[in-house]
PDB file of N, CA and C in Angstrom:
ATOM      1  N   UNK A   1     126.712  91.505  79.347  1.00  0.00           N
ATOM      2  CA  UNK A   1     127.664  92.541  79.293  1.00  0.00           C
ATOM      3  C   UNK A   1     126.491  93.706  80.412  1.00  0.00           C
ATOM      4  N   UNK A   2     127.190  94.490  81.221  1.00  0.00           N
ATOM      5  CA  UNK A   2     126.241  95.416  81.326  1.00  0.00           C
ATOM      6  C   UNK A   2     126.420  96.806  81.343  1.00  0.00           C
ATOM      7  N   UNK A   3     125.182  97.760  80.930  1.00  0.00           N
ATOM      8  CA  UNK A   3     125.338  98.857  80.454  1.00  0.00           C
ATOM      9  C   UNK A   3     124.633 100.010  81.339  1.00  0.00           C
ATOM     10  N   UNK A   4     125.281 101.193  81.153  1.00  0.00           N
ATOM     11  CA  UNK A   4     125.204 102.407  81.984  1.00  0.00           C
ATOM     12  C   UNK A   4     124.689 103.312  81.043  1.00  0.00           C
ATOM     13  N   UNK A   5     123.850 103.853  81.703  1.00  0.00           N
ATOM     14  CA  UNK A   5     122.605 105.290  80.993  1.00  0.00           C
ATOM     15  C   UNK A   5     123.652 105.988  80.705  1.00  0.00           C
ATOM     16  N   UNK A   6     124.094 106.890  79.325  1.00  0.00           N
ATOM     17  CA  UNK A   6     124.927 107.504  78.946  1.00  0.00           C
ATOM     18  C   UNK A   6     125.233 108.551  79.586  1.00  0.00           C
ATOM     19  N   UNK A   7     123.867 109.069  79.812  1.00  0.00           N
ATOM     20  CA  UNK A   7     123.753 110.605  80.633  1.00  0.00           C
ATOM     21  C   UNK A   7     124.132 110.367  82.283  1.00  0.00           C
ATOM     22  N   UNK A   8     124.375 109.114  82.863  1.00  0.00           N
ATOM     23  CA  UNK A   8     125.066 108.635  83.799  1.00  0.00           C
ATOM     24  C   UNK A   8     126.614 109.035  83.827  1.00  0.00           C
ATOM     25  N   UNK A   9     127.004 108.161  82.731  1.00  0.00           N
ATOM     26  CA  UNK A   9     128.201 108.385  82.381  1.00  0.00           C
ATOM     27  C   UNK A   9     129.063 109.500  82.220  1.00  0.00           C
ATOM     28  N   UNK A  10     128.265 110.596  81.262  1.00  0.00           N
ATOM     29  CA  UNK A  10     128.536 111.836  80.904  1.00  0.00           C
ATOM     30  C   UNK A  10     128.633 113.055  82.521  1.00  0.00           C
ATOM     31  N   UNK A  11     127.841 112.778  83.204  1.00  0.00           N
ATOM     32  CA  UNK A  11     127.858 113.132  84.597  1.00  0.00           C
ATOM     33  C   UNK A  11     128.957 112.663  84.985  1.00  0.00           C
ATOM     34  N   UNK A  12     129.610 111.904  84.993  1.00  0.00           N
ATOM     35  CA  UNK A  12     130.561 111.047  86.036  1.00  0.00           C
ATOM     36  C   UNK A  12     131.622 111.878  85.377  1.00  0.00           C
ATOM     37  N   UNK A  13     131.884 111.417  84.002  1.00  0.00           N
ATOM     38  CA  UNK A  13     132.834 112.299  83.288  1.00  0.00           C
ATOM     39  C   UNK A  13     133.249 113.813  83.921  1.00  0.00           C
ATOM     40  N   UNK A  14     131.964 114.678  83.674  1.00  0.00           N
ATOM     41  CA  UNK A  14     132.015 115.790  83.803  1.00  0.00           C
ATOM     42  C   UNK A  14     132.671 115.823  85.322  1.00  0.00           C
ATOM     43  N   UNK A  15     132.541 115.410  86.157  1.00  0.00           N
ATOM     44  CA  UNK A  15     132.725 115.703  87.599  1.00  0.00           C
ATOM     45  C   UNK A  15     134.399 115.144  88.203  1.00  0.00           C
ATOM     46  N   UNK A  16     135.228 114.648  87.078  1.00  0.00           N
ATOM     47  CA  UNK A  16     136.196 114.013  87.357  1.00  0.00           C
ATOM     48  C   UNK A  16     137.082 115.126  86.921  1.00  0.00           C
ATOM     49  N   UNK A  17     138.335 115.187  86.708  1.00  0.00           N
ATOM     50  CA  UNK A  17     139.138 116.318  87.186  1.00  0.00           C
ATOM     51  C   UNK A  17     139.823 116.137  85.585  1.00  0.00           C
ATOM     52  N   UNK A  18     140.153 117.409  85.030  1.00  0.00           N
ATOM     53  CA  UNK A  18     140.260 117.356  83.570  1.00  0.00           C
ATOM     54  C   UNK A  18     141.939 116.931  83.334  1.00  0.00           C
ATOM     55  N   UNK A  19     142.566 116.543  84.318  1.00  0.00           N
ATOM     56  CA  UNK A  19     143.605 115.310  83.344  1.00  0.00           C
ATOM     57  C   UNK A  19     143.712 114.406  84.683  1.00  0.00           C
ATOM     58  N   UNK A  20     143.312 113.359  83.583  1.00  0.00           N
ATOM     59  CA  UNK A  20     143.089 111.806  84.551  1.00  0.00           C
ATOM     60  C   UNK A  20     143.891 110.850  83.691  1.00  0.00           C
ATOM     61  N   UNK A  21     144.309 109.533  84.680  1.00  0.00           N
ATOM     62  CA  UNK A  21     144.563 108.574  84.212  1.00  0.00           C
ATOM     63  C   UNK A  21     143.793 107.668  83.298  1.00  0.00           C
ATOM     64  N   UNK A  22     144.047 107.298  82.218  1.00  0.00           N
ATOM     65  CA  UNK A  22     143.038 106.339  82.059  1.00  0.00           C
ATOM     66  C   UNK A  22     142.680 104.962  82.890  1.00  0.00           C
ATOM     67  N   UNK A  23     143.043 104.553  83.575  1.00  0.00           N
ATOM     68  CA  UNK A  23     142.588 103.686  84.845  1.00  0.00           C
ATOM     69  C   UNK A  23     141.970 104.136  85.654  1.00  0.00           C
ATOM     70  N   UNK A  24     141.908 105.615  86.013  1.00  0.00           N
ATOM     71  CA  UNK A  24     140.751 105.947  87.036  1.00  0.00           C
ATOM     72  C   UNK A  24     139.758 106.269  86.029  1.00  0.00           C
ATOM     73  N   UNK A  25     139.474 106.338  84.536  1.00  0.00           N
ATOM     74  CA  UNK A  25     138.399 106.465  83.896  1.00  0.00           C
ATOM     75  C   UNK A  25     137.635 105.004  83.851  1.00  0.00           C
ATOM     76  N   UNK A  26     138.667 103.878  83.547  1.00  0.00           N
ATOM     77  CA  UNK A  26     138.007 102.551  83.630  1.00  0.00           C
ATOM     78  C   UNK A  26     137.724 102.269  85.256  1.00  0.00           C
ATOM     79  N   UNK A  27     138.108 102.448  86.642  1.00  0.00           N
ATOM     80  CA  UNK A  27     137.932 102.338  87.429  1.00  0.00           C
ATOM     81  C   UNK A  27     136.395 102.978  87.681  1.00  0.00           C
ATOM     82  N   UNK A  28     136.425 104.359  86.933  1.00  0.00           N
ATOM     83  CA  UNK A  28     134.888 105.065  87.465  1.00  0.00           C
ATOM     84  C   UNK A  28     134.278 104.224  86.506  1.00  0.00           C
ATOM     85  N   UNK A  29     134.465 103.905  85.413  1.00  0.00           N
ATOM     86  CA  UNK A  29     133.288 103.168  84.771  1.00  0.00           C
ATOM     87  C   UNK A  29     132.576 101.816  85.327  1.00  0.00           C
ATOM     88  N   UNK A  30     133.621 100.654  85.840  1.00  0.00           N
ATOM     89  CA  UNK A  30     133.261 100.034  86.387  1.00  0.00           C
ATOM     90  C   UNK A  30     132.541  99.920  87.884  1.00  0.00           C
ATOM     91  N   UNK A  31     132.983 101.152  88.173  1.00  0.00           N
ATOM     92  CA  UNK A  31     132.118 101.330  89.598  1.00  0.00           C
ATOM     93  C   UNK A  31     130.883 101.550  89.230  1.00  0.00           C
ATOM     94  N   UNK A  32     130.189 102.767  88.255  1.00  0.00           N
ATOM     95  CA  UNK A  32     129.157 103.151  87.731  1.00  0.00           C
ATOM     96  C   UNK A  32     128.148 101.777  87.090  1.00  0.00           C
ATOM     97  N   UNK A  33     129.199 100.705  86.490  1.00  0.00           N
ATOM     98  CA  UNK A  33     128.493  99.535  85.905  1.00  0.00           C
ATOM     99  C   UNK A  33     127.891  98.749  87.452  1.00  0.00           C
ATOM    100  N   UNK A  34     128.659  98.860  88.500  1.00  0.00           N
ATOM    101  CA  UNK A  34     127.848  97.628  89.599  1.00  0.00           C
ATOM    102  C   UNK A  34     127.155  98.605  90.331  1.00  0.00           C
ATOM    103  N   UNK A  35     126.942  99.712  90.556  1.00  0.00           N
ATOM    104  CA  UNK A  35     125.982 100.572  90.794  1.00  0.00           C
ATOM    105  C   UNK A  35     125.008 100.340  89.965  1.00  0.00           C
ATOM    106  N   UNK A  36     124.872 100.855  88.725  1.00  0.00           N
ATOM    107  CA  UNK A  36     123.705 100.254  87.935  1.00  0.00           C
ATOM    108  C   UNK A  36     123.196  98.744  87.995  1.00  0.00           C
ATOM    109  N   UNK A  37     123.889  97.735  88.038  1.00  0.00           N
ATOM    110  CA  UNK A  37     123.431  96.545  88.301  1.00  0.00           C
ATOM    111  C   UNK A  37     122.867  96.621  89.788  1.00  0.00           C
ATOM    112  N   UNK A  38     123.104  97.342  90.676  1.00  0.00           N
ATOM    113  CA  UNK A  38     122.862  96.874  91.849  1.00  0.00           C
ATOM    114  C   UNK A  38     121.633  97.090  92.161  1.00  0.00           C
ATOM    115  N   UNK A  39     121.344  98.637  91.034  1.00  0.00           N
ATOM    116  CA  UNK A  39     119.977  99.259  91.027  1.00  0.00           C
ATOM    117  C   UNK A  39     119.065  98.432  90.745  1.00  0.00           C
ATOM    118  N   UNK A  40     119.230  97.960  89.537  1.00  0.00           N
ATOM    119  CA  UNK A  40     118.252  96.819  88.578  1.00  0.00           C
ATOM    120  C   UNK A  40     117.992  95.786  89.702  1.00  0.00           C
ATOM    121  N   UNK A  41     118.605  95.236  90.276  1.00  0.00           N
ATOM    122  CA  UNK A  41     118.837  94.039  91.470  1.00  0.00           C
ATOM    123  C   UNK A  41     117.735  94.108  92.229  1.00  0.00           C
ATOM    124  N   UNK A  42     117.805  95.465  93.022  1.00  0.00           N
ATOM    125  CA  UNK A  42     116.734  96.019  93.820  1.00  0.00           C
ATOM    126  C   UNK A  42     115.374  96.100  93.110  1.00  0.00           C
ATOM    127  N   UNK A  43     115.201  96.876  92.195  1.00  0.00           N
ATOM    128  CA  UNK A  43     114.326  97.332  90.797  1.00  0.00           C
ATOM    129  C   UNK A  43     113.850  95.991  90.785  1.00  0.00           C
ATOM    130  N   UNK A  44     114.151  94.533  90.614  1.00  0.00           N
ATOM    131  CA  UNK A  44     113.577  93.062  90.489  1.00  0.00           C
ATOM    132  C   UNK A  44     113.393  93.068  91.751  1.00  0.00           C
ATOM    133  N   UNK A  45     113.467  93.137  93.111  1.00  0.00           N
ATOM    134  CA  UNK A  45     113.235  92.296  94.038  1.00  0.00           C
ATOM    135  C   UNK A  45     114.127  91.456  94.690  1.00  0.00           C
ATOM    136  N   UNK A  46     115.691  91.213  93.713  1.00  0.00           N
ATOM    137  CA  UNK A  46     116.551  90.758  93.981  1.00  0.00           C
ATOM    138  C   UNK A  46     117.575  91.210  95.064  1.00  0.00           C
ATOM    139  N   UNK A  47     117.475  90.835  95.901  1.00  0.00           N
ATOM    140  CA  UNK A  47     118.149  91.038  97.356  1.00  0.00           C
ATOM    141  C   UNK A  47     117.615  90.390  98.468  1.00  0.00           C
ATOM    142  N   UNK A  48     118.365  90.682  99.440  1.00  0.00           N
ATOM    143  CA  UNK A  48     118.010  90.050 100.772  1.00  0.00           C
ATOM    144  C   UNK A  48     117.933  91.257 102.123  1.00  0.00           C
ATOM    145  N   UNK A  49     116.962  90.893 102.385  1.00  0.00           N
ATOM    146  CA  UNK A  49     116.528  92.114 103.888  1.00  0.00           C
ATOM    147  C   UNK A  49     117.989  92.028 104.538  1.00  0.00           C
ATOM    148  N   UNK A  50     118.042  92.667 105.703  1.00  0.00           N
ATOM    149  CA  UNK A  50     119.039  92.722 106.757  1.00  0.00           C
ATOM    150  C   UNK A  50     118.585  91.324 107.839  1.00  0.00           C
ATOM    151  N   UNK A  51     117.717  91.212 107.751  1.00  0.00           N
ATOM    152  CA  UNK A  51     117.310  90.306 108.640  1.00  0.00           C
ATOM    153  C   UNK A  51     117.282  88.415 108.291  1.00  0.00           C
ATOM    154  N   UNK A  52     116.987  88.525 106.683  1.00  0.00           N
ATOM    155  CA  UNK A  52     117.549  87.487 105.957  1.00  0.00           C
ATOM    156  C   UNK A  52     119.226  86.912 105.844  1.00  0.00           C
ATOM    157  N   UNK A  53     120.000  88.245 105.878  1.00  0.00           N
ATOM    158  CA  UNK A  53     121.095  88.021 106.083  1.00  0.00           C
ATOM    159  C   UNK A  53     121.749  87.648 106.974  1.00  0.00           C
ATOM    160  N   UNK A  54     121.276  88.123 108.348  1.00  0.00           N
ATOM    161  CA  UNK A  54     121.388  87.927 109.593  1.00  0.00           C
ATOM    162  C   UNK A  54     121.093  86.446 109.945  1.00  0.00           C
ATOM    163  N   UNK A  55     120.172  85.834 109.356  1.00  0.00           N
ATOM    164  CA  UNK A  55     119.768  84.301 109.479  1.00  0.00           C
ATOM    165  C   UNK A  55     120.522  83.272 109.208  1.00  0.00           C
ATOM    166  N   UNK A  56     120.956  84.317 107.955  1.00  0.00           N
ATOM    167  CA  UNK A  56     121.918  83.203 107.262  1.00  0.00           C
ATOM    168  C   UNK A  56     123.315  83.214 107.369  1.00  0.00           C
ATOM    169  N   UNK A  57     123.493  84.328 107.717  1.00  0.00           N
ATOM    170  CA  UNK A  57     125.097  84.188 108.240  1.00  0.00           C
ATOM    171  C   UNK A  57     125.111  83.043 110.184  1.00  0.00           C
ATOM    172  N   UNK A  58     124.044  83.067 110.641  1.00  0.00           N
ATOM    173  CA  UNK A  58     123.858  82.512 112.155  1.00  0.00           C
ATOM    174  C   UNK A  58     124.109  80.737 111.314  1.00  0.00           C
ATOM    175  N   UNK A  59     123.301  80.438 110.200  1.00  0.00           N
ATOM    176  CA  UNK A  59     123.451  79.524 109.794  1.00  0.00           C
ATOM    177  C   UNK A  59     124.998  78.922 109.709  1.00  0.00           C
ATOM    178  N   UNK A  60     125.525  79.594 109.105  1.00  0.00           N
ATOM    179  CA  UNK A  60     126.452  79.794 108.160  1.00  0.00           C
ATOM    180  C   UNK A  60     127.769  79.638 108.917  1.00  0.00           C
ATOM    181  N   UNK A  61     127.533  80.703 110.187  1.00  0.00           N
ATOM    182  CA  UNK A  61     128.881  80.005 111.394  1.00  0.00           C
ATOM    183  C   UNK A  61     128.413  78.888 112.493  1.00  0.00           C
ATOM    184  N   UNK A  62     127.402  78.681 112.488  1.00  0.00           N
ATOM    185  CA  UNK A  62     127.113  77.153 113.138  1.00  0.00           C
ATOM    186  C   UNK A  62     128.121  76.188 112.670  1.00  0.00           C
TER     187      UNK A  62
END
């Protein structure tokens, strides 16, 4: 299960309009969750450089 820091969620909700559909709130939470997951992956070094991605695509396209 993904986690989001409460302050990040609250700040995001503060920037939304006063009237908003529930689906939009859910989409915002999902987006924040994906951003937080990506930040953790970067912090852990779990990512590929641009050059590594280019090389893997070369092999994939052959």
